[in-house]
Amino acid sequence: MTRYPEGIMTETIQSSRRVAVYCGSANGTNPAFVAEATALGTAIAAAGLGLVYGGASVGLMGAVADAALAGGSEVIGVLPEILSGKEIAHAGLTRLELVPTMHKRKARMAALADAFLVLPGGYGTLEELLEVVTWAQLRIHAKPCILINTAGYWNGFLAFLDTAVVAGFLKQKNRDLLRVAGSGAEAVRMAVGAFPPLESLKRE
C-alpha cells in the first residue's frame, strides 16, 4: 500500500495504457450490473490495458477489479484515507494508493488514465463522470469519456443532456464528448480507438 501525501506526480513515467473506471460500490438490484462490470474487467485485460479505479473490494468496483486481475491486468486502486474504513480496500491489487481527500483521488485517477469508462453508480459516479467530461469540454484533456449504458441505466441522464442541448445550456459538440457504449467490450474498443497520442500525455 502506497501513501501519497499530495496524491499526484510521484511515479516513474511508464508507457502502458490504462483506463479509469468509475462505478458504484454497491451491486445494484439488476444482476446485469455485476455481470457487465465483470465483462468490462475481462475486456480490459484481454486488450492488454491497465485498470485504475477507486480501490474498493465491494460492489461493481470489486467486480471489475477482480475480473481485470484474473485476466492479468495491472490494477491500481486509489482510495481516500477518510473512506478506508467505509469502503473495504481491495487486498489483492497490483498497487493500492491512499490519498488524503476525494479531490486528490480524482486528480490521481485522471493523471494515471488514458480514458474514462463509466458503469452504473450513484452520486459519486455521476460526479466523477461530469467532472472529466467538463474537463474535456474545457480542453484540459483529450481523453475519451465513455458511458456504458447497462440495461438502460443511464437513459434518463442521456435524455437530460439532450434537453440541455435543446434548452441552449449545452452545445451539441460538447454533448458529443460523452460517448455511449452498450457493453464493456464495446467501450474498451471505443477507448482503444480514441486514445490520445502517448507523447501528448504526462504519464504516471
C-alpha atoms as a PDB file:
ATOM      1  CA  MET A   1       0.000   0.000   0.000  1.00  0.00           C
ATOM      2  CA  THR A   2       1.430   3.359  -1.040  1.00  0.00           C
ATOM      3  CA  ARG A   3       0.608   6.637   0.684  1.00  0.00           C
ATOM      4  CA  TYR A   4       0.737   9.844  -1.352  1.00  0.00           C
ATOM      5  CA  PRO A   5       0.612  12.995   0.786  1.00  0.00           C
ATOM      6  CA  GLU A   6      -0.246  15.030  -2.296  1.00  0.00           C
ATOM      7  CA  GLY A   7      -1.700  12.181  -4.295  1.00  0.00           C
ATOM      8  CA  ILE A   8      -0.173  13.001  -7.699  1.00  0.00           C
ATOM      9  CA  MET A   9       3.012  13.127  -9.779  1.00  0.00           C
ATOM     10  CA  THR A  10       5.156  10.754  -7.754  1.00  0.00           C
ATOM     11  CA  GLU A  11       5.703   7.772 -10.048  1.00  0.00           C
ATOM     12  CA  THR A  12       8.287   6.918 -12.654  1.00  0.00           C
ATOM     13  CA  ILE A  13       6.931   7.589 -16.142  1.00  0.00           C
ATOM     14  CA  GLN A  14       5.617   4.493 -17.907  1.00  0.00           C
ATOM     15  CA  SER A  15       4.243   3.931 -21.410  1.00  0.00           C
ATOM     16  CA  SER A  16       1.495   1.388 -20.679  1.00  0.00           C
ATOM     17  CA  ARG A  17      -2.098   2.334 -21.437  1.00  0.00           C
ATOM     18  CA  ARG A  18      -4.634   2.417 -18.619  1.00  0.00           C
ATOM     19  CA  VAL A  19      -8.335   3.137 -18.369  1.00  0.00           C
ATOM     20  CA  ALA A  20     -10.078   4.604 -15.345  1.00  0.00           C
ATOM     21  CA  VAL A  21     -13.393   3.018 -14.433  1.00  0.00           C
ATOM     22  CA  TYR A  22     -15.964   4.908 -12.390  1.00  0.00           C
ATOM     23  CA  CYS A  23     -18.762   2.810 -10.894  1.00  0.00           C
ATOM     24  CA  GLY A  24     -20.759   2.039  -7.784  1.00  0.00           C
ATOM     25  CA  SER A  25     -19.536   0.382  -4.596  1.00  0.00           C
ATOM     26  CA  ALA A  26     -22.886  -1.451  -4.490  1.00  0.00           C
ATOM     27  CA  ASN A  27     -24.067  -4.313  -6.705  1.00  0.00           C
ATOM     28  CA  GLY A  28     -27.375  -2.745  -7.663  1.00  0.00           C
ATOM     29  CA  THR A  29     -30.650  -4.629  -7.971  1.00  0.00           C
ATOM     30  CA  ASN A  30     -30.178  -5.957 -11.506  1.00  0.00           C
ATOM     31  CA  PRO A  31     -27.745  -8.906 -11.885  1.00  0.00           C
ATOM     32  CA  ALA A  32     -26.785  -7.404 -15.256  1.00  0.00           C
ATOM     33  CA  PHE A  33     -24.851  -4.673 -13.441  1.00  0.00           C
ATOM     34  CA  VAL A  34     -22.358  -7.053 -11.813  1.00  0.00           C
ATOM     35  CA  ALA A  35     -22.211  -9.199 -14.954  1.00  0.00           C
ATOM     36  CA  GLU A  36     -21.273  -6.179 -17.076  1.00  0.00           C
ATOM     37  CA  ALA A  37     -18.686  -4.980 -14.548  1.00  0.00           C
ATOM     38  CA  THR A  38     -17.080  -8.433 -14.704  1.00  0.00           C
ATOM     39  CA  ALA A  39     -17.222  -8.400 -18.503  1.00  0.00           C
ATOM     40  CA  LEU A  40     -15.587  -4.973 -18.552  1.00  0.00           C
ATOM     41  CA  GLY A  41     -12.704  -6.121 -16.364  1.00  0.00           C
ATOM     42  CA  THR A  42     -12.222  -9.142 -18.617  1.00  0.00           C
ATOM     43  CA  ALA A  43     -12.244  -6.958 -21.740  1.00  0.00           C
ATOM     44  CA  ILE A  44      -9.703  -4.548 -20.225  1.00  0.00           C
ATOM     45  CA  ALA A  45      -7.344  -7.433 -19.533  1.00  0.00           C
ATOM     46  CA  ALA A  46      -7.896  -9.002 -22.956  1.00  0.00           C
ATOM     47  CA  ALA A  47      -6.952  -5.691 -24.593  1.00  0.00           C
ATOM     48  CA  GLY A  48      -3.702  -5.568 -22.613  1.00  0.00           C
ATOM     49  CA  LEU A  49      -4.732  -2.467 -20.696  1.00  0.00           C
ATOM     50  CA  GLY A  50      -4.274  -1.498 -17.077  1.00  0.00           C
ATOM     51  CA  LEU A  51      -7.148  -0.535 -14.799  1.00  0.00           C
ATOM     52  CA  VAL A  52      -7.370   2.455 -12.474  1.00  0.00           C
ATOM     53  CA  TYR A  53     -10.347   2.546 -10.127  1.00  0.00           C
ATOM     54  CA  GLY A  54     -11.481   3.566  -6.654  1.00  0.00           C
ATOM     55  CA  GLY A  55      -9.727   0.801  -4.712  1.00  0.00           C
ATOM     56  CA  ALA A  56     -12.673  -0.970  -3.055  1.00  0.00           C
ATOM     57  CA  SER A  57     -13.311  -4.713  -2.981  1.00  0.00           C
ATOM     58  CA  VAL A  58     -17.098  -4.459  -2.966  1.00  0.00           C
ATOM     59  CA  GLY A  59     -19.869  -3.772  -5.455  1.00  0.00           C
ATOM     60  CA  LEU A  60     -19.227  -3.095  -9.123  1.00  0.00           C
ATOM     61  CA  MET A  61     -15.819  -1.717  -8.136  1.00  0.00           C
ATOM     62  CA  GLY A  62     -14.755  -5.069  -6.740  1.00  0.00           C
ATOM     63  CA  ALA A  63     -16.228  -6.981  -9.681  1.00  0.00           C
ATOM     64  CA  VAL A  64     -14.354  -5.036 -12.347  1.00  0.00           C
ATOM     65  CA  ALA A  65     -11.101  -5.196 -10.375  1.00  0.00           C
ATOM     66  CA  ASP A  66     -11.363  -8.930  -9.730  1.00  0.00           C
ATOM     67  CA  ALA A  67     -12.007  -9.675 -13.402  1.00  0.00           C
ATOM     68  CA  ALA A  68      -9.138  -7.486 -14.588  1.00  0.00           C
ATOM     69  CA  LEU A  69      -6.772  -9.093 -12.081  1.00  0.00           C
ATOM     70  CA  ALA A  70      -7.887 -12.568 -13.148  1.00  0.00           C
ATOM     71  CA  GLY A  71      -7.005 -11.637 -16.725  1.00  0.00           C
ATOM     72  CA  GLY A  72      -3.519 -10.476 -15.761  1.00  0.00           C
ATOM     73  CA  SER A  73      -4.022  -6.701 -15.832  1.00  0.00           C
ATOM     74  CA  GLU A  74      -2.155  -4.184 -13.747  1.00  0.00           C
ATOM     75  CA  VAL A  75      -4.821  -2.839 -11.370  1.00  0.00           C
ATOM     76  CA  ILE A  76      -4.235   0.354  -9.400  1.00  0.00           C
ATOM     77  CA  GLY A  77      -6.695   1.382  -6.714  1.00  0.00           C
ATOM     78  CA  VAL A  78      -6.868   4.945  -5.396  1.00  0.00           C
ATOM     79  CA  LEU A  79      -8.646   5.221  -2.053  1.00  0.00           C
ATOM     80  CA  PRO A  80      -9.061   8.294   0.194  1.00  0.00           C
ATOM     81  CA  GLU A  81      -7.896   7.720   3.741  1.00  0.00           C
ATOM     82  CA  ILE A  82     -11.224   9.046   5.040  1.00  0.00           C
ATOM     83  CA  LEU A  83     -13.006   6.157   3.273  1.00  0.00           C
ATOM     84  CA  SER A  84     -10.554   3.401   4.161  1.00  0.00           C
ATOM     85  CA  GLY A  85     -12.812   2.281   6.997  1.00  0.00           C
ATOM     86  CA  LYS A  86     -16.022   2.551   4.953  1.00  0.00           C
ATOM     87  CA  GLU A  87     -15.048   1.271   1.502  1.00  0.00           C
ATOM     88  CA  ILE A  88     -13.300  -2.013   2.077  1.00  0.00           C
ATOM     89  CA  ALA A  89      -9.864  -1.759   0.489  1.00  0.00           C
ATOM     90  CA  HIS A  90      -9.046  -4.474  -2.023  1.00  0.00           C
ATOM     91  CA  ALA A  91      -6.147  -6.548  -0.699  1.00  0.00           C
ATOM     92  CA  GLY A  92      -5.097  -8.143  -3.990  1.00  0.00           C
ATOM     93  CA  LEU A  93      -4.326  -5.168  -6.213  1.00  0.00           C
ATOM     94  CA  THR A  94      -1.125  -4.514  -8.103  1.00  0.00           C
ATOM     95  CA  ARG A  95      -0.958  -1.288  -6.117  1.00  0.00           C
ATOM     96  CA  LEU A  96      -3.264   0.468  -3.662  1.00  0.00           C
ATOM     97  CA  GLU A  97      -2.640   4.162  -3.160  1.00  0.00           C
ATOM     98  CA  LEU A  98      -4.066   6.030  -0.165  1.00  0.00           C
ATOM     99  CA  VAL A  99      -4.626   9.739  -0.735  1.00  0.00           C
ATOM    100  CA  PRO A 100      -5.804  12.419   1.714  1.00  0.00           C
ATOM    101  CA  THR A 101      -9.051  13.556   0.065  1.00  0.00           C
ATOM    102  CA  MET A 102     -11.683  12.795  -2.565  1.00  0.00           C
ATOM    103  CA  HIS A 103     -10.269  15.624  -4.684  1.00  0.00           C
ATOM    104  CA  LYS A 104      -6.832  14.005  -4.622  1.00  0.00           C
ATOM    105  CA  ARG A 105      -8.396  10.676  -5.552  1.00  0.00           C
ATOM    106  CA  LYS A 106      -9.993  12.142  -8.673  1.00  0.00           C
ATOM    107  CA  ALA A 107      -6.841  14.013  -9.660  1.00  0.00           C
ATOM    108  CA  ARG A 108      -4.700  10.918  -9.213  1.00  0.00           C
ATOM    109  CA  MET A 109      -7.045   8.687 -11.215  1.00  0.00           C
ATOM    110  CA  ALA A 110      -7.219  11.254 -14.009  1.00  0.00           C
ATOM    111  CA  ALA A 111      -3.425  11.505 -14.118  1.00  0.00           C
ATOM    112  CA  LEU A 112      -2.981   7.741 -14.321  1.00  0.00           C
ATOM    113  CA  ALA A 113      -5.581   7.064 -17.027  1.00  0.00           C
ATOM    114  CA  ASP A 114      -5.794   7.479 -20.804  1.00  0.00           C
ATOM    115  CA  ALA A 115      -9.586   7.077 -20.962  1.00  0.00           C
ATOM    116  CA  PHE A 116     -12.592   7.140 -18.640  1.00  0.00           C
ATOM    117  CA  LEU A 117     -15.227   4.394 -18.680  1.00  0.00           C
ATOM    118  CA  VAL A 118     -18.373   4.701 -16.587  1.00  0.00           C
ATOM    119  CA  LEU A 119     -20.593   1.890 -15.311  1.00  0.00           C
ATOM    120  CA  PRO A 120     -23.773   2.367 -13.236  1.00  0.00           C
ATOM    121  CA  GLY A 121     -23.380   4.087  -9.889  1.00  0.00           C
ATOM    122  CA  GLY A 122     -24.805   6.784  -7.651  1.00  0.00           C
ATOM    123  CA  TYR A 123     -23.893  10.345  -6.706  1.00  0.00           C
ATOM    124  CA  GLY A 124     -20.144   9.716  -6.609  1.00  0.00           C
ATOM    125  CA  THR A 125     -20.043   8.031 -10.008  1.00  0.00           C
ATOM    126  CA  LEU A 126     -22.130  10.780 -11.597  1.00  0.00           C
ATOM    127  CA  GLU A 127     -19.955  13.477 -10.054  1.00  0.00           C
ATOM    128  CA  GLU A 128     -16.776  11.831 -11.351  1.00  0.00           C
ATOM    129  CA  LEU A 129     -18.276  11.463 -14.824  1.00  0.00           C
ATOM    130  CA  LEU A 130     -19.410  15.082 -15.019  1.00  0.00           C
ATOM    131  CA  GLU A 131     -16.041  16.366 -13.869  1.00  0.00           C
ATOM    132  CA  VAL A 132     -13.995  14.533 -16.502  1.00  0.00           C
ATOM    133  CA  VAL A 133     -16.454  15.455 -19.271  1.00  0.00           C
ATOM    134  CA  THR A 134     -16.345  19.096 -18.138  1.00  0.00           C
ATOM    135  CA  TRP A 135     -12.536  18.940 -18.267  1.00  0.00           C
ATOM    136  CA  ALA A 136     -12.813  17.607 -21.825  1.00  0.00           C
ATOM    137  CA  GLN A 137     -15.152  20.487 -22.718  1.00  0.00           C
ATOM    138  CA  LEU A 138     -12.612  22.947 -21.315  1.00  0.00           C
ATOM    139  CA  ARG A 139      -9.835  21.212 -23.285  1.00  0.00           C
ATOM    140  CA  ILE A 140      -7.983  20.310 -20.091  1.00  0.00           C
ATOM    141  CA  HIS A 141      -7.622  16.814 -21.527  1.00  0.00           C
ATOM    142  CA  ALA A 142      -8.414  14.987 -24.780  1.00  0.00           C
ATOM    143  CA  LYS A 143      -9.059  11.558 -23.268  1.00  0.00           C
ATOM    144  CA  PRO A 144     -12.194   9.656 -24.319  1.00  0.00           C
ATOM    145  CA  CYS A 145     -15.140   9.614 -21.907  1.00  0.00           C
ATOM    146  CA  ILE A 146     -17.410   6.622 -22.464  1.00  0.00           C
ATOM    147  CA  LEU A 147     -20.654   5.794 -20.680  1.00  0.00           C
ATOM    148  CA  ILE A 148     -21.626   2.097 -20.510  1.00  0.00           C
ATOM    149  CA  ASN A 149     -25.411   2.061 -20.598  1.00  0.00           C
ATOM    150  CA  THR A 150     -26.027  -1.318 -18.938  1.00  0.00           C
ATOM    151  CA  ALA A 151     -29.705  -2.317 -19.048  1.00  0.00           C
ATOM    152  CA  GLY A 152     -30.612   1.265 -19.997  1.00  0.00           C
ATOM    153  CA  TYR A 153     -29.436   2.546 -16.612  1.00  0.00           C
ATOM    154  CA  TRP A 154     -28.288   5.901 -17.996  1.00  0.00           C
ATOM    155  CA  ASN A 155     -31.277   6.553 -20.288  1.00  0.00           C
ATOM    156  CA  GLY A 156     -32.717   9.267 -18.048  1.00  0.00           C
ATOM    157  CA  PHE A 157     -29.366  11.031 -17.747  1.00  0.00           C
ATOM    158  CA  LEU A 158     -28.827  10.936 -21.522  1.00  0.00           C
ATOM    159  CA  ALA A 159     -32.310  12.376 -22.032  1.00  0.00           C
ATOM    160  CA  PHE A 160     -31.424  15.189 -19.631  1.00  0.00           C
ATOM    161  CA  LEU A 161     -28.306  16.019 -21.685  1.00  0.00           C
ATOM    162  CA  ASP A 162     -30.406  16.194 -24.838  1.00  0.00           C
ATOM    163  CA  THR A 163     -32.824  18.505 -23.015  1.00  0.00           C
ATOM    164  CA  ALA A 164     -29.877  20.725 -22.040  1.00  0.00           C
ATOM    165  CA  VAL A 165     -28.873  20.974 -25.716  1.00  0.00           C
ATOM    166  CA  VAL A 166     -32.402  21.967 -26.776  1.00  0.00           C
ATOM    167  CA  ALA A 167     -32.577  24.499 -23.920  1.00  0.00           C
ATOM    168  CA  GLY A 168     -29.329  26.114 -25.007  1.00  0.00           C
ATOM    169  CA  PHE A 169     -27.222  25.237 -21.978  1.00  0.00           C
ATOM    170  CA  LEU A 170     -25.078  22.610 -23.705  1.00  0.00           C
ATOM    171  CA  LYS A 171     -23.607  22.790 -27.183  1.00  0.00           C
ATOM    172  CA  GLN A 172     -24.082  19.711 -29.338  1.00  0.00           C
ATOM    173  CA  LYS A 173     -20.330  19.419 -29.925  1.00  0.00           C
ATOM    174  CA  ASN A 174     -19.815  19.221 -26.161  1.00  0.00           C
ATOM    175  CA  ARG A 175     -22.734  16.820 -25.732  1.00  0.00           C
ATOM    176  CA  ASP A 176     -20.902  14.587 -28.205  1.00  0.00           C
ATOM    177  CA  LEU A 177     -17.829  14.451 -25.943  1.00  0.00           C
ATOM    178  CA  LEU A 178     -19.668  11.821 -23.898  1.00  0.00           C
ATOM    179  CA  ARG A 179     -19.784   8.660 -25.976  1.00  0.00           C
ATOM    180  CA  VAL A 180     -22.145   5.804 -25.211  1.00  0.00           C
ATOM    181  CA  ALA A 181     -21.421   2.075 -25.394  1.00  0.00           C
ATOM    182  CA  GLY A 182     -23.860  -0.781 -24.990  1.00  0.00           C
ATOM    183  CA  SER A 183     -21.336  -3.060 -23.286  1.00  0.00           C
ATOM    184  CA  GLY A 184     -17.971  -3.077 -21.567  1.00  0.00           C
ATOM    185  CA  ALA A 185     -16.342  -4.803 -24.522  1.00  0.00           C
ATOM    186  CA  GLU A 186     -17.643  -2.118 -26.883  1.00  0.00           C
ATOM    187  CA  ALA A 187     -16.425   0.608 -24.526  1.00  0.00           C
ATOM    188  CA  VAL A 188     -12.912  -0.860 -24.489  1.00  0.00           C
ATOM    189  CA  ARG A 189     -12.836  -0.976 -28.293  1.00  0.00           C
ATOM    190  CA  MET A 190     -14.009   2.636 -28.434  1.00  0.00           C
ATOM    191  CA  ALA A 191     -11.360   3.715 -25.929  1.00  0.00           C
ATOM    192  CA  VAL A 192      -8.523   1.962 -27.730  1.00  0.00           C
ATOM    193  CA  GLY A 193      -9.554   3.622 -30.980  1.00  0.00           C
ATOM    194  CA  ALA A 194      -9.603   7.094 -29.411  1.00  0.00           C
ATOM    195  CA  PHE A 195      -6.574   7.162 -27.095  1.00  0.00           C
ATOM    196  CA  PRO A 196      -4.635  10.435 -27.335  1.00  0.00           C
ATOM    197  CA  PRO A 197      -1.022  10.048 -28.527  1.00  0.00           C
ATOM    198  CA  LEU A 198       1.337   8.973 -25.753  1.00  0.00           C
ATOM    199  CA  GLU A 199       3.674  11.867 -26.473  1.00  0.00           C
ATOM    200  CA  SER A 200       0.853  14.284 -25.611  1.00  0.00           C
ATOM    201  CA  LEU A 201       0.405  12.826 -22.126  1.00  0.00           C
ATOM    202  CA  LYS A 202       2.132  13.193 -18.800  1.00  0.00           C
ATOM    203  CA  ARG A 203       2.446   9.506 -17.984  1.00  0.00           C
ATOM    204  CA  GLU A 204       2.462   8.279 -14.400  1.00  0.00           C
END
